[in-house]
C-alpha atoms as a PDB file:
ATOM      1  CA  MET A   1       4.828 -34.304   5.503  1.00  0.00           C
ATOM      2  CA  PHE A   2       3.007 -34.578   8.833  1.00  0.00           C
ATOM      3  CA  GLY A   3       5.009 -37.694   9.742  1.00  0.00           C
ATOM      4  CA  PHE A   4       8.196 -35.706   9.278  1.00  0.00           C
ATOM      5  CA  LEU A   5       6.958 -32.932  11.573  1.00  0.00           C
ATOM      6  CA  LYS A   6       5.854 -35.461  14.201  1.00  0.00           C
ATOM      7  CA  GLY A   7       9.339 -36.948  14.133  1.00  0.00           C
ATOM      8  CA  LEU A   8      10.924 -33.524  14.576  1.00  0.00           C
ATOM      9  CA  LYS A   9       8.577 -32.822  17.481  1.00  0.00           C
ATOM     10  CA  VAL A  10       9.699 -36.018  19.249  1.00  0.00           C
ATOM     11  CA  THR A  11      13.352 -35.223  18.557  1.00  0.00           C
ATOM     12  CA  PHE A  12      13.162 -31.687  19.930  1.00  0.00           C
ATOM     13  CA  ALA A  13      11.187 -32.844  22.973  1.00  0.00           C
ATOM     14  CA  GLN A  14      13.998 -35.276  23.842  1.00  0.00           C
ATOM     15  CA  LEU A  15      16.582 -32.487  23.821  1.00  0.00           C
ATOM     16  CA  THR A  16      15.219 -31.150  27.114  1.00  0.00           C
ATOM     17  CA  HIS A  17      15.250 -34.521  28.917  1.00  0.00           C
ATOM     18  CA  LYS A  18      18.074 -35.755  31.125  1.00  0.00           C
ATOM     19  CA  LYS A  19      20.692 -37.841  29.314  1.00  0.00           C
ATOM     20  CA  VAL A  20      20.710 -41.543  30.230  1.00  0.00           C
ATOM     21  CA  THR A  21      23.937 -42.488  28.457  1.00  0.00           C
ATOM     22  CA  LEU A  22      27.049 -42.854  30.603  1.00  0.00           C
ATOM     23  CA  MET A  23      30.579 -42.281  29.348  1.00  0.00           C
ATOM     24  CA  TYR A  24      31.789 -45.730  30.391  1.00  0.00           C
ATOM     25  CA  PRO A  25      34.465 -46.479  31.723  1.00  0.00           C
ATOM     26  CA  ASP A  26      34.940 -42.894  32.945  1.00  0.00           C
ATOM     27  CA  GLU A  27      31.531 -43.006  34.638  1.00  0.00           C
ATOM     28  CA  MET A  28      30.562 -46.261  36.302  1.00  0.00           C
ATOM     29  CA  PRO A  29      26.896 -47.276  36.274  1.00  0.00           C
ATOM     30  CA  ASP A  30      24.974 -47.178  39.528  1.00  0.00           C
ATOM     31  CA  PHE A  31      23.491 -50.617  40.040  1.00  0.00           C
ATOM     32  CA  GLY A  32      20.569 -51.511  42.221  1.00  0.00           C
ATOM     33  CA  GLU A  33      20.937 -53.275  45.538  1.00  0.00           C
ATOM     34  CA  ARG A  34      19.997 -56.664  44.083  1.00  0.00           C
ATOM     35  CA  PHE A  35      22.342 -56.551  41.080  1.00  0.00           C
ATOM     36  CA  ARG A  36      23.995 -59.931  40.484  1.00  0.00           C
ATOM     37  CA  GLY A  37      27.625 -59.512  39.558  1.00  0.00           C
ATOM     38  CA  VAL A  38      30.772 -61.529  40.141  1.00  0.00           C
ATOM     39  CA  HIS A  39      30.971 -63.493  43.387  1.00  0.00           C
ATOM     40  CA  LYS A  40      33.004 -62.631  46.438  1.00  0.00           C
ATOM     41  CA  PHE A  41      34.078 -65.461  48.714  1.00  0.00           C
ATOM     42  CA  SER A  42      35.113 -65.562  52.376  1.00  0.00           C
ATOM     43  CA  PRO A  43      37.130 -68.774  52.902  1.00  0.00           C
ATOM     44  CA  GLU A  44      37.130 -68.348  56.676  1.00  0.00           C
ATOM     45  CA  LYS A  45      33.318 -68.591  56.739  1.00  0.00           C
ATOM     46  CA  CYS A  46      33.039 -71.649  54.472  1.00  0.00           C
ATOM     47  CA  ILE A  47      32.121 -74.904  56.243  1.00  0.00           C
ATOM     48  CA  VAL A  48      32.529 -77.047  53.084  1.00  0.00           C
ATOM     49  CA  CYS A  49      28.879 -78.132  53.107  1.00  0.00           C
ATOM     50  CA  ASN A  50      28.921 -78.388  49.289  1.00  0.00           C
ATOM     51  CA  GLN A  51      25.398 -76.939  49.012  1.00  0.00           C
ATOM     52  CA  CYS A  52      26.487 -74.248  46.560  1.00  0.00           C
ATOM     53  CA  ALA A  53      27.961 -76.816  44.175  1.00  0.00           C
ATOM     54  CA  ARG A  54      24.884 -79.043  44.404  1.00  0.00           C
ATOM     55  CA  VAL A  55      22.363 -76.260  43.748  1.00  0.00           C
ATOM     56  CA  CYS A  56      24.291 -74.756  40.814  1.00  0.00           C
ATOM     57  CA  PRO A  57      22.317 -75.424  37.589  1.00  0.00           C
ATOM     58  CA  THR A  58      25.440 -75.253  35.399  1.00  0.00           C
ATOM     59  CA  SER A  59      27.780 -77.165  37.748  1.00  0.00           C
ATOM     60  CA  CYS A  60      30.378 -74.416  37.515  1.00  0.00           C
ATOM     61  CA  ILE A  61      31.383 -74.595  41.209  1.00  0.00           C
ATOM     62  CA  SER A  62      33.797 -77.163  42.575  1.00  0.00           C
ATOM     63  CA  LEU A  63      35.178 -77.279  46.097  1.00  0.00           C
ATOM     64  CA  SER A  64      36.996 -79.616  48.429  1.00  0.00           C
ATOM     65  CA  GLY A  65      38.052 -79.614  52.046  1.00  0.00           C
ATOM     66  CA  THR A  66      39.816 -81.665  54.681  1.00  0.00           C
ATOM     67  CA  ARG A  67      39.278 -82.267  58.373  1.00  0.00           C
ATOM     68  CA  GLY A  68      41.712 -80.459  60.593  1.00  0.00           C
ATOM     69  CA  GLY A  69      42.914 -81.259  64.095  1.00  0.00           C
ATOM     70  CA  ASP A  70      39.757 -79.677  65.521  1.00  0.00           C
ATOM     71  CA  LYS A  71      37.658 -82.220  63.534  1.00  0.00           C
ATOM     72  CA  LYS A  72      36.061 -79.441  61.464  1.00  0.00           C
ATOM     73  CA  LEU A  73      36.147 -79.287  57.690  1.00  0.00           C
ATOM     74  CA  HIS A  74      38.422 -76.599  56.270  1.00  0.00           C
ATOM     75  CA  ILE A  75      38.270 -75.410  52.678  1.00  0.00           C
ATOM     76  CA  ASP A  76      41.165 -76.449  50.431  1.00  0.00           C
ATOM     77  CA  THR A  77      39.921 -75.477  46.982  1.00  0.00           C
ATOM     78  CA  TYR A  78      36.983 -73.427  45.747  1.00  0.00           C
ATOM     79  CA  ASP A  79      36.822 -72.863  41.994  1.00  0.00           C
ATOM     80  CA  ILE A  80      34.215 -71.186  39.796  1.00  0.00           C
ATOM     81  CA  ASN A  81      34.120 -71.421  36.020  1.00  0.00           C
ATOM     82  CA  PHE A  82      32.707 -68.042  34.942  1.00  0.00           C
ATOM     83  CA  GLU A  83      32.676 -69.277  31.361  1.00  0.00           C
ATOM     84  CA  ILE A  84      29.475 -71.191  32.144  1.00  0.00           C
ATOM     85  CA  CYS A  85      28.252 -69.405  35.300  1.00  0.00           C
ATOM     86  CA  ILE A  86      24.913 -67.670  34.682  1.00  0.00           C
ATOM     87  CA  LEU A  87      25.097 -65.528  37.856  1.00  0.00           C
ATOM     88  CA  CYS A  88      21.752 -66.906  39.013  1.00  0.00           C
ATOM     89  CA  ASP A  89      22.444 -66.199  42.723  1.00  0.00           C
ATOM     90  CA  LEU A  90      21.307 -69.667  43.847  1.00  0.00           C
ATOM     91  CA  CYS A  91      24.687 -70.433  45.424  1.00  0.00           C
ATOM     92  CA  THR A  92      24.511 -67.340  47.626  1.00  0.00           C
ATOM     93  CA  GLU A  93      20.939 -68.021  48.709  1.00  0.00           C
ATOM     94  CA  VAL A  94      21.662 -71.590  49.813  1.00  0.00           C
ATOM     95  CA  CYS A  95      24.924 -70.843  51.679  1.00  0.00           C
ATOM     96  CA  PRO A  96      24.214 -71.200  55.434  1.00  0.00           C
ATOM     97  CA  THR A  97      27.190 -69.067  56.510  1.00  0.00           C
ATOM     98  CA  GLU A  98      26.985 -66.430  53.736  1.00  0.00           C
ATOM     99  CA  ALA A  99      30.527 -67.296  52.676  1.00  0.00           C
ATOM    100  CA  ILE A 100      29.694 -66.524  49.043  1.00  0.00           C
ATOM    101  CA  GLN A 101      27.925 -63.323  48.002  1.00  0.00           C
ATOM    102  CA  MET A 102      27.297 -61.358  44.839  1.00  0.00           C
ATOM    103  CA  THR A 103      28.950 -58.012  44.110  1.00  0.00           C
ATOM    104  CA  ASP A 104      28.273 -55.240  41.623  1.00  0.00           C
ATOM    105  CA  THR A 105      31.436 -56.097  39.684  1.00  0.00           C
ATOM    106  CA  PHE A 106      30.599 -57.051  36.122  1.00  0.00           C
ATOM    107  CA  GLU A 107      33.865 -56.616  34.228  1.00  0.00           C
ATOM    108  CA  LEU A 108      35.137 -60.086  33.352  1.00  0.00           C
ATOM    109  CA  ALA A 109      35.970 -59.588  29.684  1.00  0.00           C
ATOM    110  CA  THR A 110      39.106 -61.418  28.633  1.00  0.00           C
ATOM    111  CA  TYR A 111      40.858 -62.611  25.498  1.00  0.00           C
ATOM    112  CA  ASN A 112      41.592 -66.038  26.947  1.00  0.00           C
ATOM    113  CA  ARG A 113      38.892 -68.434  28.142  1.00  0.00           C
ATOM    114  CA  VAL A 114      41.251 -69.941  30.708  1.00  0.00           C
ATOM    115  CA  ASP A 115      41.184 -66.607  32.551  1.00  0.00           C
ATOM    116  CA  LEU A 116      37.505 -67.202  33.381  1.00  0.00           C
ATOM    117  CA  TYR A 117      38.400 -70.003  35.814  1.00  0.00           C
ATOM    118  CA  LYS A 118      38.689 -68.331  39.212  1.00  0.00           C
ATOM    119  CA  ASN A 119      39.872 -69.883  42.459  1.00  0.00           C
ATOM    120  CA  MET A 120      39.131 -69.000  46.073  1.00  0.00           C
ATOM    121  CA  PHE A 121      42.138 -66.672  46.332  1.00  0.00           C
ATOM    122  CA  TRP A 122      40.922 -64.543  43.425  1.00  0.00           C
ATOM    123  CA  LEU A 123      37.384 -64.542  44.855  1.00  0.00           C
ATOM    124  CA  ASP A 124      38.726 -63.546  48.296  1.00  0.00           C
ATOM    125  CA  ASP A 125      40.705 -60.696  46.705  1.00  0.00           C
ATOM    126  CA  ASN A 126      37.474 -59.671  44.955  1.00  0.00           C
ATOM    127  CA  ARG A 127      35.786 -59.554  48.377  1.00  0.00           C
ATOM    128  CA  LYS A 128      38.595 -57.426  49.798  1.00  0.00           C
ATOM    129  CA  LYS A 129      38.469 -55.045  46.830  1.00  0.00           C
ATOM    130  CA  THR A 130      34.710 -54.581  47.063  1.00  0.00           C
ATOM    131  CA  GLU A 131      34.907 -54.025  50.820  1.00  0.00           C
ATOM    132  CA  GLY A 132      37.812 -51.590  50.468  1.00  0.00           C
ATOM    133  CA  ILE A 133      40.279 -53.792  52.371  1.00  0.00           C
ATOM    134  CA  LEU A 134      42.569 -54.341  49.371  1.00  0.00           C
ATOM    135  CA  GLU A 135      43.634 -51.395  47.236  1.00  0.00           C
ATOM    136  CA  HIS A 136      42.292 -51.460  43.657  1.00  0.00           C
ATOM    137  CA  ASP A 137      45.088 -51.972  41.119  1.00  0.00           C
ATOM    138  CA  GLY A 138      43.946 -49.091  38.891  1.00  0.00           C
ATOM    139  CA  THR A 139      42.760 -51.199  35.976  1.00  0.00           C
ATOM    140  CA  SER A 140      39.172 -51.412  34.823  1.00  0.00           C
ATOM    141  CA  SER A 141      38.799 -55.026  35.937  1.00  0.00           C
ATOM    142  CA  PHE A 142      40.019 -57.274  38.699  1.00  0.00           C
ATOM    143  CA  GLY A 143      42.434 -59.173  36.471  1.00  0.00           C
ATOM    144  CA  GLY A 144      42.303 -62.702  35.226  1.00  0.00           C
ATOM    145  CA  GLU A 145      44.968 -64.560  37.140  1.00  0.00           C
ATOM    146  CA  LYS A 146      44.075 -67.593  39.147  1.00  0.00           C
END
């Protein structure tokens, strides 16, 4: 009998506390500054040093570049396989030009595994959306096209 009353006491005490549940997707969670979400990529900053691909523990990053007329390497392809990416943030820490950074975007759910392969154009659009340069398309995620 006393256990039942103790349980009721705990239940009624919780009624006065602030609610912690959010009505997602109507209310978006407020993430901390160091939250590790989906990457954003700035192709104009990338110097094709390949450090991000080498440090990646799951080898989910692949990139290639060519030398231009100015004898500098320019990025041709930059692909991330989010199917195996563990969002460890090592690629952003090792990047000397900060071409790749983490965002607070976490919505990557899809019905097709192929949609989890993202290229540099999708990652650049992700950067523009998070910085407010590109208008959000009104859906709950950033889409799955390559």
